[in-house]
Structure formats: C-alpha cells, structure tokens
C-alpha atoms as a PDB file:
ATOM      1  CA  UNK A   1       9.684 -13.817  -0.488  1.00  0.00           C
ATOM      2  CA  UNK A   2       8.692 -10.366   0.844  1.00  0.00           C
ATOM      3  CA  UNK A   3      11.728 -11.099   3.396  1.00  0.00           C
ATOM      4  CA  UNK A   4      13.580 -11.244  -0.155  1.00  0.00           C
ATOM      5  CA  UNK A   5      12.352  -8.041  -1.264  1.00  0.00           C
ATOM      6  CA  UNK A   6      12.675  -5.772   1.821  1.00  0.00           C
ATOM      7  CA  UNK A   7      16.332  -7.283   1.930  1.00  0.00           C
ATOM      8  CA  UNK A   8      16.944  -6.087  -1.331  1.00  0.00           C
ATOM      9  CA  UNK A   9      15.237  -2.864  -1.016  1.00  0.00           C
ATOM     10  CA  UNK A  10      17.418  -2.089   2.257  1.00  0.00           C
ATOM     11  CA  UNK A  11      19.478   1.068   1.066  1.00  0.00           C
ATOM     12  CA  UNK A  12      21.950  -0.496   3.991  1.00  0.00           C
ATOM     13  CA  UNK A  13      22.927  -3.134   1.529  1.00  0.00           C
ATOM     14  CA  UNK A  14      22.996  -1.145  -1.693  1.00  0.00           C
ATOM     15  CA  UNK A  15      25.249   1.139   0.044  1.00  0.00           C
ATOM     16  CA  UNK A  16      27.439  -1.598   1.246  1.00  0.00           C
ATOM     17  CA  UNK A  17      27.669  -3.341  -2.296  1.00  0.00           C
ATOM     18  CA  UNK A  18      28.484  -0.316  -3.689  1.00  0.00           C
ATOM     19  CA  UNK A  19      31.839  -0.028  -1.446  1.00  0.00           C
ATOM     20  CA  UNK A  20      32.594  -3.435  -2.365  1.00  0.00           C
ATOM     21  CA  UNK A  21      32.281  -2.601  -6.146  1.00  0.00           C
ATOM     22  CA  UNK A  22      34.515   0.699  -5.363  1.00  0.00           C
ATOM     23  CA  UNK A  23      37.133  -1.289  -3.700  1.00  0.00           C
ATOM     24  CA  UNK A  24      37.308  -3.991  -6.266  1.00  0.00           C
ATOM     25  CA  UNK A  25      37.173  -1.629  -8.919  1.00  0.00           C
ATOM     26  CA  UNK A  26      39.933   0.389  -7.379  1.00  0.00           C
ATOM     27  CA  UNK A  27      42.231  -2.565  -6.857  1.00  0.00           C
ATOM     28  CA  UNK A  28      41.746  -3.077 -10.708  1.00  0.00           C
ATOM     29  CA  UNK A  29      42.838  -0.035 -11.466  1.00  0.00           C
ATOM     30  CA  UNK A  30      39.508   1.740 -13.057  1.00  0.00           C
ATOM     31  CA  UNK A  31      39.539   5.400 -13.315  1.00  0.00           C
ATOM     32  CA  UNK A  32      38.201   7.302 -10.199  1.00  0.00           C
ATOM     33  CA  UNK A  33      35.137   9.589 -12.437  1.00  0.00           C
ATOM     34  CA  UNK A  34      34.066   5.816 -13.281  1.00  0.00           C
ATOM     35  CA  UNK A  35      34.155   4.674 -10.128  1.00  0.00           C
ATOM     36  CA  UNK A  36      32.512   7.442  -8.526  1.00  0.00           C
ATOM     37  CA  UNK A  37      29.327   7.772 -11.004  1.00  0.00           C
ATOM     38  CA  UNK A  38      29.044   4.005 -11.181  1.00  0.00           C
ATOM     39  CA  UNK A  39      28.837   4.177  -6.798  1.00  0.00           C
ATOM     40  CA  UNK A  40      26.547   7.360  -7.511  1.00  0.00           C
ATOM     41  CA  UNK A  41      24.089   5.429  -9.853  1.00  0.00           C
ATOM     42  CA  UNK A  42      23.982   2.424  -7.763  1.00  0.00           C
ATOM     43  CA  UNK A  43      22.677   4.374  -4.639  1.00  0.00           C
ATOM     44  CA  UNK A  44      20.649   6.781  -6.378  1.00  0.00           C
ATOM     45  CA  UNK A  45      18.759   4.095  -8.454  1.00  0.00           C
ATOM     46  CA  UNK A  46      18.066   2.019  -4.963  1.00  0.00           C
ATOM     47  CA  UNK A  47      17.139   5.058  -3.171  1.00  0.00           C
ATOM     48  CA  UNK A  48      14.535   5.287  -5.461  1.00  0.00           C
ATOM     49  CA  UNK A  49      13.255   1.599  -5.912  1.00  0.00           C
ATOM     50  CA  UNK A  50      13.106   1.859  -2.148  1.00  0.00           C
ATOM     51  CA  UNK A  51      10.982   4.681  -2.071  1.00  0.00           C
ATOM     52  CA  UNK A  52       8.591   3.925  -4.591  1.00  0.00           C
ATOM     53  CA  UNK A  53       8.560   0.263  -2.929  1.00  0.00           C
ATOM     54  CA  UNK A  54       7.935   1.475   0.274  1.00  0.00           C
ATOM     55  CA  UNK A  55       4.987   4.117  -0.763  1.00  0.00           C
ATOM     56  CA  UNK A  56       3.062   1.086  -2.735  1.00  0.00           C
ATOM     57  CA  UNK A  57       3.029  -0.711   0.706  1.00  0.00           C
ATOM     58  CA  UNK A  58       1.829   2.736   2.518  1.00  0.00           C
ATOM     59  CA  UNK A  59      -0.850   3.447  -0.165  1.00  0.00           C
ATOM     60  CA  UNK A  60      -1.818  -0.309  -0.226  1.00  0.00           C
ATOM     61  CA  UNK A  61      -2.508  -0.614   3.647  1.00  0.00           C
ATOM     62  CA  UNK A  62      -4.518   2.432   3.711  1.00  0.00           C
ATOM     63  CA  UNK A  63      -6.871   1.086   0.881  1.00  0.00           C
ATOM     64  CA  UNK A  64      -6.944  -2.325   3.065  1.00  0.00           C
ATOM     65  CA  UNK A  65      -7.698   0.003   6.114  1.00  0.00           C
ATOM     66  CA  UNK A  66     -10.548   1.859   3.913  1.00  0.00           C
ATOM     67  CA  UNK A  67     -12.406  -1.252   2.812  1.00  0.00           C
ATOM     68  CA  UNK A  68     -12.480  -2.488   6.843  1.00  0.00           C
ATOM     69  CA  UNK A  69     -13.637   0.408   7.862  1.00  0.00           C
ATOM     70  CA  UNK A  70     -16.424   0.399   4.916  1.00  0.00           C
ATOM     71  CA  UNK A  71     -17.395  -3.321   5.511  1.00  0.00           C
ATOM     72  CA  UNK A  72     -17.643  -2.919   9.470  1.00  0.00           C
ATOM     73  CA  UNK A  73     -19.784   0.280   8.994  1.00  0.00           C
ATOM     74  CA  UNK A  74     -22.310  -1.559   6.541  1.00  0.00           C
ATOM     75  CA  UNK A  75     -22.292  -4.283   9.239  1.00  0.00           C
ATOM     76  CA  UNK A  76     -23.592  -1.612  12.004  1.00  0.00           C
ATOM     77  CA  UNK A  77     -25.757  -0.311  10.000  1.00  0.00           C
ATOM     78  CA  UNK A  78     -27.385  -3.733   9.180  1.00  0.00           C
ATOM     79  CA  UNK A  79     -27.567  -4.703  12.490  1.00  0.00           C
ATOM     80  CA  UNK A  80     -29.006  -1.471  14.171  1.00  0.00           C
ATOM     81  CA  UNK A  81     -32.179  -1.691  12.160  1.00  0.00           C
ATOM     82  CA  UNK A  82     -32.433   1.330  10.437  1.00  0.00           C
ATOM     83  CA  UNK A  83     -33.625   1.400   7.179  1.00  0.00           C
ATOM     84  CA  UNK A  84     -31.713   2.406   4.435  1.00  0.00           C
ATOM     85  CA  UNK A  85     -33.276   4.942   1.854  1.00  0.00           C
ATOM     86  CA  UNK A  86     -32.298   4.049  -1.760  1.00  0.00           C
ATOM     87  CA  UNK A  87     -33.654   6.648  -4.587  1.00  0.00           C
ATOM     88  CA  UNK A  88     -37.481   7.241  -3.780  1.00  0.00           C
ATOM     89  CA  UNK A  89     -37.624   3.569  -2.421  1.00  0.00           C
ATOM     90  CA  UNK A  90     -36.963   2.542   0.983  1.00  0.00           C
ATOM     91  CA  UNK A  91     -34.912  -0.727   1.767  1.00  0.00           C
ATOM     92  CA  UNK A  92     -35.029  -2.460   5.350  1.00  0.00           C
ATOM     93  CA  UNK A  93     -31.638  -3.832   5.674  1.00  0.00           C
ATOM     94  CA  UNK A  94     -32.372  -6.965   7.320  1.00  0.00           C
ATOM     95  CA  UNK A  95     -34.877  -7.827   4.669  1.00  0.00           C
ATOM     96  CA  UNK A  96     -34.055 -10.452   1.634  1.00  0.00           C
ATOM     97  CA  UNK A  97     -35.679 -10.117  -1.699  1.00  0.00           C
ATOM     98  CA  UNK A  98     -37.378  -7.738  -3.021  1.00  0.00           C
ATOM     99  CA  UNK A  99     -38.356  -4.065  -0.988  1.00  0.00           C
ATOM    100  CA  UNK A 100     -41.069  -3.166   0.404  1.00  0.00           C
ATOM    101  CA  UNK A 101     -42.406   0.236   0.015  1.00  0.00           C
ATOM    102  CA  UNK A 102     -42.769   2.422   3.336  1.00  0.00           C
ATOM    103  CA  UNK A 103     -43.335   6.055   3.662  1.00  0.00           C
ATOM    104  CA  UNK A 104     -41.372   6.817   6.865  1.00  0.00           C
ATOM    105  CA  UNK A 105     -38.063   6.096   8.225  1.00  0.00           C
ATOM    106  CA  UNK A 106     -37.731   4.500  11.085  1.00  0.00           C
ATOM    107  CA  UNK A 107     -35.340   2.304  14.059  1.00  0.00           C
ATOM    108  CA  UNK A 108     -35.467  -0.258  16.364  1.00  0.00           C
END
C-alpha cells in the first residue's frame, strides 16, 4: 500500500498523465485554453499533495525518533542507580512499590 501511495504521489507520474491527457485533448479538438488550464491544475494539485504527504512522513519520523530518544534516556536513568526527584519525595528508579523517602540524592 505504501508503495502505491509513493507511486501515486510522484510528480513525474502526474506530469506524464497531464502530457497524455493534453495530447488526447488536442487529438479530439478541445480548446487550447481548456487544455492548458486542466493540465496546469492537475500538476499543481499533485505537487501540493506530494508536498503534504512528504512533510507528514518527515514529521512522523521526527516524532518517532524523539520518542525513542526519550525511552533510551529513561532506561539510562533506571540503569544508573541514580535516584529521581519528584516533587518533594525522592524515588529510587530501581524501586518497585511505594517510594521510600530519603534525605539526599545519591548514585551507585
């Protein structure tokens, strides 16, 4: 499905389609102004759609990378043995269950 979307969003494909439609319109004797208007509209709309799809994919990849970086950072903190401060209570990242209140931050 992604491959089909990629192919349909190709500006080269739509330029070729516009060329074929323009050629056929000329063969069947349509007005030159109508042909130019339709061909221009097809290419313009497809260019905008391609831009929107591409930017959406770039944004999605950026969000995915940010999530992976945050998850990696959480794992590093958990594995380091450093305590994490939340509000006024200090939690041990490796502790399961209720937090134990301590008076200092330490690392192992």
